[in-house]
Amino acid sequence: MGDVPYAPNEDRLLPKQIENLPSDGRFLIHLGDIKNGASPCDEEVYIKVSSMLRKSKTPTFIIPGDNEWNDCMMPGVAWKYWLKHFHNFDKNWEYDFQVKRQEVRNENFSFRLHGVLFVGINLVGGRVHDAAEWKLRHAQNVTWLKSVINANHGSYQALVLFGHAHPFVNHNDFFTPFVALVEKAKVPVLYLHGDGHKWIKDKPFGTEIITRVQVDQGGVAPPLRITVKPDLKDPFVFDRRLQPAQK
């Protein structure tokens, strides 16, 4: 899920979506943008959404979006709010897989589950609030992805990368090395992101091994369920009409 909640009706919808998550899901991820871009970046927003997500029975991860960070009037303050309320968010749950985090950028994480390597990175859309920070963060994202791929060599059959941003040109300093890295790994790859609010499924990176999916905005569609079947040539199965949990 991503880009939710944006409005008062979505403040009511998101808790219902979380309550109705299927019990057999291994984890949930929010792909960033916990508010609309026009509303203030008040700490109450971070508290509110954190409280909503904590009610999930499924281990939950979250990565930053631009609406709650770099597009805020005071990005430094907004980032402190994000760290305060979403830092190591998955540790609110117990689970049976090992999560690793990048030492220099703790919001970046990875774990391996049933032959699939999952990697989360801080890759936001929106304005370039600080050109030096932007360049450094993208370089650290590349370093993290490379180290995770090398550390798990031969131990996975598919890779899923979580980011917030659409692959625009101002992210090429990440996506160009990303494509080179995963082409060497020679496994099917899914790049899953939010930010654009409308469903997209395509292969925009010039290679058949990478599938890109942009999720629907969370206020207009249920959470996307993804099943990964590493033994298949096209291992990513998408359910956009998730059925509520059985009561």
Protein backbone atom coordinates (compact mmCIF):
# COMPACT_ATOMS: atom_id res chain seq x y z
CA MET A 1 0.00 0.00 0.00
CA GLY A 2 1.02 3.61 -0.38
CA ASP A 3 -0.03 7.25 -0.61
CA VAL A 4 -2.57 6.98 2.20
CA PRO A 5 -4.26 8.47 4.22
CA TYR A 6 -4.78 11.73 2.31
CA ALA A 7 -8.17 12.89 3.61
CA PRO A 8 -10.56 12.42 6.56
CA ASN A 9 -12.44 9.62 4.80
CA GLU A 10 -9.12 7.80 4.33
CA ASP A 11 -8.39 8.24 8.04
CA ARG A 12 -11.44 6.00 8.49
CA LEU A 13 -10.65 3.72 5.56
CA LEU A 14 -7.04 2.84 6.37
CA PRO A 15 -7.80 1.28 9.80
CA LYS A 16 -10.51 -0.85 8.14
CA GLN A 17 -8.08 -1.97 5.45
CA ILE A 18 -5.56 -2.93 8.11
CA GLU A 19 -8.17 -4.75 10.18
CA ASN A 20 -9.25 -6.73 7.11
CA LEU A 21 -5.80 -7.84 5.97
CA PRO A 22 -5.65 -11.59 5.26
CA SER A 23 -4.15 -13.54 8.13
CA ASP A 24 -1.77 -15.48 5.87
CA GLY A 25 0.23 -12.48 4.64
CA ARG A 26 3.89 -12.59 5.71
CA PHE A 27 4.36 -8.82 5.94
CA LEU A 28 2.88 -5.46 4.97
CA ILE A 29 4.75 -2.49 3.54
CA HIS A 30 3.65 1.13 3.28
CA LEU A 31 5.49 2.71 0.35
CA GLY A 32 5.46 6.25 1.70
CA ASP A 33 3.37 9.43 1.54
CA ILE A 34 1.36 9.26 4.76
CA LYS A 35 -0.40 12.57 3.97
CA ASN A 36 -1.32 14.69 0.99
CA GLY A 37 1.19 17.21 -0.29
CA ALA A 38 -0.83 20.30 0.63
CA SER A 39 -1.37 19.66 4.33
CA PRO A 40 1.13 20.78 7.02
CA CYS A 41 3.83 18.40 8.23
CA ASP A 42 2.62 18.52 11.82
CA GLU A 43 3.85 15.84 14.20
CA GLU A 44 0.25 14.82 14.89
CA VAL A 45 0.10 13.36 11.37
CA TYR A 46 3.07 11.05 12.02
CA ILE A 47 1.59 10.02 15.37
CA LYS A 48 -1.79 9.31 13.77
CA VAL A 49 -0.53 7.13 10.94
CA SER A 50 1.97 5.32 13.15
CA SER A 51 -0.89 4.45 15.50
CA MET A 52 -3.00 3.16 12.61
CA LEU A 53 -0.25 0.96 11.19
CA ARG A 54 0.69 -0.44 14.61
CA LYS A 55 -2.73 -2.10 14.75
CA SER A 56 -1.76 -4.43 11.91
CA LYS A 57 -1.52 -8.06 12.96
CA THR A 58 0.99 -8.54 10.15
CA PRO A 59 4.61 -7.33 10.55
CA THR A 60 4.71 -3.90 8.93
CA PHE A 61 7.51 -1.98 7.22
CA ILE A 62 7.46 1.60 5.96
CA ILE A 63 9.74 3.68 3.76
CA PRO A 64 9.68 7.49 3.47
CA GLY A 65 7.66 9.49 0.97
CA ASP A 66 8.27 13.05 -0.17
CA ASN A 67 5.02 14.41 1.30
CA GLU A 68 6.21 13.76 4.85
CA TRP A 69 9.84 14.72 4.30
CA ASN A 70 11.52 16.64 1.49
CA ASP A 71 8.39 18.45 0.29
CA CYS A 72 7.70 19.82 3.78
CA MET A 73 8.49 23.47 4.54
CA MET A 74 11.11 22.33 7.07
CA PRO A 75 12.49 18.99 5.82
CA GLY A 76 14.90 18.65 8.74
CA VAL A 77 12.10 18.84 11.29
CA ALA A 78 9.92 16.53 9.22
CA TRP A 79 12.69 13.95 9.05
CA LYS A 80 13.05 14.02 12.84
CA TYR A 81 9.32 13.31 13.12
CA TRP A 82 9.65 10.41 10.68
CA LEU A 83 12.54 8.87 12.61
CA LYS A 84 10.75 9.36 15.92
CA HIS A 85 7.60 7.56 14.83
CA PHE A 86 8.72 5.12 12.10
CA HIS A 87 12.34 4.24 12.93
CA ASN A 88 12.73 0.41 13.00
CA PHE A 89 8.94 0.24 12.72
CA ASP A 90 8.91 -3.52 12.07
CA LYS A 91 10.30 -4.16 15.56
CA ASN A 92 6.79 -3.62 16.90
CA TRP A 93 6.11 -7.21 15.77
CA GLU A 94 7.66 -10.63 16.16
CA TYR A 95 8.49 -12.60 13.02
CA ASP A 96 10.60 -15.55 11.93
CA PHE A 97 12.94 -13.94 9.39
CA GLN A 98 16.05 -11.83 9.91
CA VAL A 99 15.95 -8.16 8.93
CA LYS A 100 19.20 -6.34 8.25
CA ARG A 101 19.63 -2.57 8.04
CA GLN A 102 22.26 -0.32 6.50
CA GLU A 103 24.50 1.15 9.17
CA VAL A 104 24.79 4.60 7.60
CA ARG A 105 21.12 4.77 6.54
CA ASN A 106 19.01 2.79 8.96
CA GLU A 107 15.75 3.18 7.04
CA ASN A 108 17.23 0.96 4.30
CA PHE A 109 16.55 -2.70 5.06
CA SER A 110 16.69 -6.18 3.57
CA PHE A 111 15.55 -9.70 4.35
CA ARG A 112 15.31 -13.04 2.58
CA LEU A 113 12.15 -15.11 2.71
CA HIS A 114 11.39 -18.37 0.87
CA GLY A 115 13.98 -17.78 -1.83
CA VAL A 116 13.05 -14.13 -2.40
CA LEU A 117 15.32 -11.20 -1.50
CA PHE A 118 13.44 -8.09 -0.35
CA VAL A 119 15.20 -4.71 -0.23
CA GLY A 120 13.79 -1.37 0.96
CA ILE A 121 15.45 1.97 0.22
CA ASN A 122 14.89 5.66 0.86
CA LEU A 123 14.11 6.81 -2.67
CA VAL A 124 11.63 9.68 -2.65
CA GLY A 125 9.95 11.77 -5.32
CA GLY A 126 9.15 15.45 -4.99
CA ARG A 127 11.57 18.34 -4.87
CA VAL A 128 15.32 18.10 -4.52
CA HIS A 129 15.48 19.85 -1.15
CA ASP A 130 19.25 19.45 -0.84
CA ALA A 131 21.31 18.48 -3.89
CA ALA A 132 24.23 17.14 -1.85
CA GLU A 133 21.94 15.02 0.35
CA TRP A 134 20.11 13.72 -2.71
CA LYS A 135 23.35 12.64 -4.41
CA LEU A 136 24.75 11.06 -1.24
CA ARG A 137 21.54 9.17 -0.45
CA HIS A 138 21.32 7.73 -3.95
CA ALA A 139 24.95 6.60 -3.73
CA GLN A 140 24.28 4.99 -0.34
CA ASN A 141 21.24 3.24 -1.82
CA VAL A 142 23.43 1.78 -4.57
CA THR A 143 26.02 0.68 -2.01
CA TRP A 144 23.32 -0.98 0.08
CA LEU A 145 21.77 -2.83 -2.84
CA LYS A 146 25.16 -4.01 -4.05
CA SER A 147 26.18 -5.26 -0.60
CA VAL A 148 22.87 -7.08 -0.10
CA ILE A 149 23.08 -8.76 -3.51
CA ASN A 150 26.67 -9.85 -2.87
CA ALA A 151 25.90 -11.10 0.65
CA ASN A 152 23.03 -13.23 -0.63
CA HIS A 153 24.68 -14.53 -3.79
CA GLY A 154 23.23 -17.89 -4.79
CA SER A 155 20.60 -17.80 -2.03
CA TYR A 156 17.63 -16.26 -3.84
CA GLN A 157 15.70 -16.77 -7.05
CA ALA A 158 13.87 -13.41 -7.24
CA LEU A 159 14.39 -9.88 -5.94
CA VAL A 160 11.85 -7.26 -4.86
CA LEU A 161 12.97 -3.65 -4.41
CA PHE A 162 10.75 -1.23 -2.47
CA GLY A 163 11.03 2.51 -3.11
CA HIS A 164 8.65 5.44 -3.10
CA ALA A 165 9.60 7.26 -6.28
CA HIS A 166 8.66 6.87 -9.91
CA PRO A 167 11.83 6.22 -11.98
CA PHE A 168 12.23 9.78 -13.26
CA VAL A 169 15.43 11.14 -14.77
CA ASN A 170 16.51 12.83 -11.51
CA HIS A 171 16.84 9.34 -10.03
CA ASN A 172 19.08 8.02 -12.81
CA ASP A 173 22.15 8.10 -10.57
CA PHE A 174 20.42 5.30 -8.67
CA PHE A 175 18.53 3.47 -11.41
CA THR A 176 21.41 3.21 -13.90
CA PRO A 177 23.63 1.24 -11.48
CA PHE A 178 20.53 -0.59 -10.19
CA VAL A 179 19.87 -2.02 -13.65
CA ALA A 180 23.52 -3.01 -14.07
CA LEU A 181 23.57 -4.75 -10.68
CA VAL A 182 20.44 -6.81 -11.17
CA GLU A 183 21.30 -7.76 -14.73
CA LYS A 184 24.46 -9.35 -13.34
CA ALA A 185 22.40 -11.19 -10.72
CA LYS A 186 20.28 -12.71 -13.52
CA VAL A 187 17.11 -13.21 -11.48
CA PRO A 188 13.62 -11.75 -12.01
CA VAL A 189 13.27 -8.36 -10.30
CA LEU A 190 10.25 -6.33 -9.20
CA TYR A 191 10.54 -2.62 -8.47
CA LEU A 192 7.47 -1.71 -6.38
CA HIS A 193 6.72 1.95 -5.68
CA GLY A 194 4.03 4.53 -4.98
CA ASP A 195 3.95 8.28 -5.64
CA GLY A 196 1.98 8.27 -8.91
CA HIS A 197 -1.36 7.11 -7.45
CA LYS A 198 -2.40 5.08 -10.53
CA TRP A 199 -1.69 1.45 -11.34
CA ILE A 200 1.21 0.87 -13.73
CA LYS A 201 2.77 -2.46 -14.61
CA ASP A 202 5.48 -2.33 -17.24
CA LYS A 203 9.16 -2.86 -18.03
CA PRO A 204 10.64 0.66 -18.39
CA PHE A 205 14.29 -0.17 -17.70
CA GLY A 206 15.28 -1.61 -21.08
CA THR A 207 15.52 -5.18 -19.81
CA GLU A 208 12.99 -7.98 -19.58
CA ILE A 209 14.14 -9.14 -16.15
CA ILE A 210 12.85 -6.03 -14.31
CA THR A 211 9.13 -5.46 -13.81
CA ARG A 212 7.96 -2.12 -12.45
CA VAL A 213 4.68 -1.77 -10.55
CA GLN A 214 3.28 1.51 -9.28
CA VAL A 215 0.52 0.85 -6.74
CA ASP A 216 -2.88 2.52 -6.73
CA GLN A 217 -3.38 5.36 -4.26
CA GLY A 218 -4.55 3.74 -1.04
CA GLY A 219 -7.78 5.71 -0.86
CA VAL A 220 -9.14 4.32 -4.14
CA ALA A 221 -8.02 0.70 -4.00
CA PRO A 222 -7.37 -1.98 -1.38
CA PRO A 223 -3.82 -2.97 -0.47
CA LEU A 224 -2.07 -4.85 -3.26
CA ARG A 225 -1.35 -8.49 -2.50
CA ILE A 226 1.76 -9.92 -4.13
CA THR A 227 2.64 -13.59 -4.23
CA VAL A 228 6.14 -14.49 -5.38
CA LYS A 229 6.67 -17.93 -6.92
CA PRO A 230 10.42 -18.13 -7.54
CA ASP A 231 10.16 -21.33 -9.60
CA LEU A 232 8.18 -19.56 -12.35
CA LYS A 233 9.69 -17.56 -15.22
CA ASP A 234 7.32 -14.69 -14.33
CA PRO A 235 7.24 -15.15 -10.54
CA PHE A 236 5.23 -12.08 -9.46
CA VAL A 237 1.48 -12.59 -9.05
CA PHE A 238 -0.65 -9.52 -8.29
CA ASP A 239 -4.08 -9.37 -6.63
CA ARG A 240 -5.48 -5.83 -6.87
CA ARG A 241 -8.87 -6.73 -5.40
CA LEU A 242 -7.83 -8.11 -2.06
CA GLN A 243 -10.65 -9.88 -0.27
CA PRO A 244 -11.28 -8.94 3.39
CA ALA A 245 -10.19 -11.30 6.12
CA GLN A 246 -12.75 -13.90 7.12
CA LYS A 247 -14.38 -13.04 10.43
